[in-house]
Amino acid sequence: MATLAFKLNEHLYLRDPQHTQLGQNIIQKSVEMIDRLGFEQFTFKKLAEEIKSTEASVYRYFENKHRLLIYLISWYWHWMEYRIEISTGSIKDPEEKLRACLKLLAEEKKYDAAFEFVNEEALHRIVIAELDKTFLTKGVDDYNKEGLFIGFKAVCKKIAFVVLEINPSYPFAQSLISTVLIASNQQVFFSDHLPSLTSIGREQDRHQKLYSFLENLVFQAIKV
């Protein structure tokens, strides 16, 4: 099976890792290692040992590990945008379309065979744990000027557009959906680590509860 690739912002990398075997190995092992070790303990030296290559070869693709983290999370949001397109393309009713988007955000993520070198389940755990590190930094304005957050913005814009289809006079569509995108991951983090801050619990049905929370939040806010 041919592996699909996304067109990501060229400022995210020095060389696009999606189009070489070494680059795909870097992405695959980075996801596995950051998921296992955490971002703080992850280094290019450890990555090079894991892929049986050199640090210099990793640096030919990414200038530092923070830029790699932004790349991985950007890839995740491009994947989510792709899944929203696939899942909602034939839906005409905007309320049904919005519910489909919220279900995609809330559901447990599984491996997508269309992208053989990425473990989306592990990548989603990285998004849950490390998302804030991509933009809560002194360099955020420069990163934004470079367009490093386009993937996140695209998903926000796409779902906010559906909100405005339902209620064109709602004044806070972007604010609401950016909050929902953060909450869809933050609530899972709270469930795992700070359970007194969430109501979704740790049971098997927590993703359904998360969806119910997001649906209630959004539709109560935008009701005409």
Protein backbone atom coordinates (compact mmCIF):
# COMPACT_ATOMS: atom_id res chain seq x y z
CA MET A 1 0.00 0.00 0.00
CA ALA A 2 1.27 3.47 -0.87
CA THR A 3 1.74 5.73 2.12
CA LEU A 4 -0.01 9.10 1.97
CA ALA A 5 1.84 12.29 2.88
CA PHE A 6 0.75 15.77 3.93
CA LYS A 7 2.17 19.04 2.63
CA LEU A 8 3.43 20.58 5.88
CA ASN A 9 4.92 24.02 6.32
CA GLU A 10 8.51 23.95 5.05
CA HIS A 11 9.71 25.93 8.08
CA LEU A 12 8.97 22.92 10.28
CA TYR A 13 11.89 20.93 8.89
CA LEU A 14 15.20 21.23 7.06
CA ARG A 15 14.36 18.25 4.87
CA ASP A 16 10.88 16.75 4.58
CA PRO A 17 11.09 13.42 6.46
CA GLN A 18 7.98 11.99 4.81
CA HIS A 19 9.78 11.33 1.53
CA THR A 20 12.82 9.28 2.57
CA GLN A 21 13.19 6.00 4.44
CA LEU A 22 15.50 7.60 7.01
CA GLY A 23 13.08 10.48 7.50
CA GLN A 24 10.18 8.10 8.05
CA ASN A 25 12.30 6.14 10.53
CA ILE A 26 13.03 9.39 12.38
CA ILE A 27 9.31 10.17 12.63
CA GLN A 28 8.32 6.62 13.60
CA LYS A 29 10.94 6.27 16.33
CA SER A 30 10.49 9.84 17.59
CA VAL A 31 6.81 9.16 18.21
CA GLU A 32 7.59 5.90 19.99
CA MET A 33 10.35 7.42 22.13
CA ILE A 34 8.61 10.67 23.11
CA ASP A 35 5.53 8.64 24.02
CA ARG A 36 7.66 6.31 26.14
CA LEU A 37 10.22 8.72 27.66
CA GLY A 38 8.48 12.08 27.60
CA PHE A 39 9.73 15.10 25.69
CA GLU A 40 12.18 16.23 28.39
CA GLN A 41 14.08 12.92 28.41
CA PHE A 42 14.03 12.53 24.63
CA THR A 43 17.24 13.54 22.81
CA PHE A 44 18.57 13.32 19.27
CA LYS A 45 21.45 11.23 20.61
CA LYS A 46 19.03 8.61 21.95
CA LEU A 47 17.04 8.79 18.71
CA ALA A 48 20.15 8.25 16.60
CA GLU A 49 21.04 5.17 18.64
CA GLU A 50 17.51 3.83 18.21
CA ILE A 51 17.53 4.22 14.42
CA LYS A 52 21.18 3.05 14.18
CA SER A 53 22.31 6.28 12.59
CA THR A 54 24.10 9.46 13.70
CA GLU A 55 22.97 12.65 15.41
CA ALA A 56 24.23 14.53 12.35
CA SER A 57 21.76 12.63 10.16
CA VAL A 58 18.87 13.65 12.43
CA TYR A 59 20.00 17.28 12.39
CA ARG A 60 19.81 17.21 8.61
CA TYR A 61 16.03 16.91 9.01
CA PHE A 62 15.32 19.03 12.12
CA GLU A 63 17.31 21.85 13.68
CA ASN A 64 16.34 20.86 17.24
CA LYS A 65 13.98 18.62 19.16
CA HIS A 66 11.45 21.38 19.85
CA ARG A 67 11.06 21.95 16.11
CA LEU A 68 10.57 18.19 15.75
CA LEU A 69 7.85 18.24 18.43
CA ILE A 70 6.04 21.05 16.62
CA TYR A 71 6.33 19.03 13.40
CA LEU A 72 4.79 15.93 15.00
CA ILE A 73 1.89 17.84 16.50
CA SER A 74 1.37 19.76 13.26
CA TRP A 75 1.25 16.42 11.45
CA TYR A 76 -1.42 15.28 13.92
CA TRP A 77 -3.63 18.30 13.16
CA HIS A 78 -3.22 17.82 9.42
CA TRP A 79 -4.29 14.20 9.96
CA MET A 80 -7.32 15.37 11.91
CA GLU A 81 -8.23 17.81 9.15
CA TYR A 82 -7.92 14.96 6.63
CA ARG A 83 -10.18 12.74 8.75
CA ILE A 84 -12.76 15.51 9.12
CA GLU A 85 -12.80 15.94 5.33
CA ILE A 86 -13.27 12.19 4.80
CA SER A 87 -15.93 11.82 7.49
CA THR A 88 -18.03 14.89 6.77
CA GLY A 89 -17.68 15.31 3.00
CA SER A 90 -21.07 13.76 2.26
CA ILE A 91 -22.94 15.27 5.22
CA LYS A 92 -25.25 18.13 4.24
CA ASP A 93 -26.90 19.01 7.54
CA PRO A 94 -24.55 21.37 9.47
CA GLU A 95 -25.67 20.18 12.90
CA GLU A 96 -24.95 16.57 11.93
CA LYS A 97 -21.63 17.68 10.46
CA LEU A 98 -20.68 19.49 13.68
CA ARG A 99 -21.52 16.42 15.76
CA ALA A 100 -19.35 14.30 13.46
CA CYS A 101 -16.45 16.72 13.99
CA LEU A 102 -16.85 16.59 17.76
CA LYS A 103 -16.95 12.78 17.71
CA LEU A 104 -13.66 12.72 15.81
CA LEU A 105 -12.08 15.02 18.38
CA ALA A 106 -13.36 13.00 21.33
CA GLU A 107 -12.85 9.44 20.12
CA GLU A 108 -9.95 7.20 21.07
CA LYS A 109 -7.37 7.44 18.29
CA LYS A 110 -6.30 4.29 16.47
CA TYR A 111 -3.55 3.39 14.01
CA ASP A 112 -4.32 4.61 10.48
CA ALA A 113 -2.90 2.21 7.89
CA ALA A 114 -2.85 4.98 5.26
CA PHE A 115 0.21 6.38 7.08
CA GLU A 116 2.43 3.40 7.74
CA PHE A 117 5.26 5.23 9.52
CA VAL A 118 3.12 6.97 12.16
CA ASN A 119 1.49 5.38 15.19
CA GLU A 120 -1.44 7.76 15.61
CA GLU A 121 -2.45 6.24 18.94
CA ALA A 122 0.97 7.07 20.41
CA LEU A 123 1.05 10.43 18.63
CA HIS A 124 -2.25 11.38 20.21
CA ARG A 125 -0.81 10.63 23.64
CA ILE A 126 2.03 13.03 22.77
CA VAL A 127 -0.49 15.69 21.75
CA ILE A 128 -2.32 15.21 25.04
CA ALA A 129 0.88 15.46 27.10
CA GLU A 130 2.98 17.93 25.14
CA LEU A 131 0.69 20.21 23.09
CA ASP A 132 1.16 23.23 25.36
CA LYS A 133 4.94 23.09 24.86
CA THR A 134 4.54 23.98 21.19
CA PHE A 135 3.09 27.45 21.82
CA LEU A 136 3.67 28.34 25.50
CA THR A 137 7.16 29.56 24.70
CA LYS A 138 8.96 32.88 24.22
CA GLY A 139 9.32 32.09 20.52
CA VAL A 140 5.60 31.72 19.85
CA ASP A 141 5.28 34.96 17.87
CA ASP A 142 8.17 34.06 15.59
CA TYR A 143 6.81 30.53 15.17
CA ASN A 144 3.44 31.99 14.29
CA LYS A 145 4.98 34.30 11.66
CA GLU A 146 6.64 31.23 10.14
CA GLY A 147 3.25 29.54 9.94
CA LEU A 148 4.09 26.64 12.24
CA PHE A 149 0.57 26.42 13.67
CA ILE A 150 -1.29 26.26 10.35
CA GLY A 151 -2.51 22.70 11.00
CA PHE A 152 -4.17 23.62 14.30
CA LYS A 153 -5.61 26.80 12.78
CA ALA A 154 -7.01 24.91 9.78
CA VAL A 155 -8.95 22.49 11.99
CA CYS A 156 -10.22 25.38 14.10
CA LYS A 157 -11.32 27.33 11.03
CA LYS A 158 -13.01 24.33 9.44
CA ILE A 159 -15.14 23.52 12.50
CA ALA A 160 -15.83 27.19 13.28
CA PHE A 161 -17.22 27.55 9.75
CA VAL A 162 -19.73 24.78 10.53
CA VAL A 163 -20.71 26.60 13.73
CA LEU A 164 -21.48 29.70 11.66
CA GLU A 165 -23.52 27.64 9.22
CA ILE A 166 -25.75 26.72 12.17
CA ASN A 167 -25.84 30.16 13.76
CA PRO A 168 -24.41 32.92 11.54
CA SER A 169 -24.88 35.51 14.29
CA TYR A 170 -22.81 33.64 16.90
CA PRO A 171 -19.91 36.03 17.67
CA PHE A 172 -17.37 33.67 19.22
CA ALA A 173 -16.98 30.76 16.78
CA GLN A 174 -13.16 30.76 16.67
CA SER A 175 -12.88 31.22 20.44
CA LEU A 176 -15.33 28.41 21.09
CA ILE A 177 -13.69 25.91 18.77
CA SER A 178 -10.10 26.67 19.77
CA THR A 179 -11.25 26.07 23.38
CA VAL A 180 -12.88 22.79 22.31
CA LEU A 181 -9.71 21.63 20.51
CA ILE A 182 -7.65 22.25 23.64
CA ALA A 183 -10.28 20.75 25.94
CA SER A 184 -10.63 17.57 23.87
CA ASN A 185 -7.05 16.72 24.81
CA GLN A 186 -6.78 18.46 28.17
CA GLN A 187 -9.74 16.60 29.64
CA VAL A 188 -8.09 13.26 28.80
CA PHE A 189 -4.89 14.47 30.47
CA PHE A 190 -6.86 15.45 33.56
CA SER A 191 -8.58 12.06 33.51
CA ASP A 192 -5.21 10.30 33.58
CA HIS A 193 -3.33 12.56 35.99
CA LEU A 194 -5.58 15.14 37.72
CA PRO A 195 -8.95 13.38 37.94
CA SER A 196 -10.52 15.90 40.33
CA LEU A 197 -10.41 18.45 37.48
CA THR A 198 -12.67 16.50 35.13
CA SER A 199 -15.99 14.67 35.14
CA ILE A 200 -15.24 12.15 32.39
CA GLY A 201 -13.55 9.62 34.69
CA ARG A 202 -11.13 6.87 33.68
CA GLU A 203 -13.61 4.19 32.69
CA GLN A 204 -13.82 2.69 29.20
CA ASP A 205 -16.66 5.00 28.27
CA ARG A 206 -14.67 8.17 28.97
CA HIS A 207 -14.41 9.07 25.28
CA GLN A 208 -18.19 8.91 24.97
CA LYS A 209 -18.46 11.10 28.05
CA LEU A 210 -15.93 13.48 26.53
CA TYR A 211 -18.02 13.68 23.37
CA SER A 212 -21.15 14.36 25.43
CA PHE A 213 -19.34 17.16 27.26
CA LEU A 214 -18.08 18.75 24.02
CA GLU A 215 -21.48 18.44 22.36
CA ASN A 216 -23.23 20.02 25.34
CA LEU A 217 -20.65 22.81 25.56
CA VAL A 218 -20.86 23.71 21.87
CA PHE A 219 -24.58 23.38 21.24
CA GLN A 220 -25.54 25.19 24.43
CA ALA A 221 -23.24 28.03 23.41
CA ILE A 222 -24.48 28.40 19.83
CA LYS A 223 -28.19 27.73 20.26
CA VAL A 224 -30.29 30.22 18.34
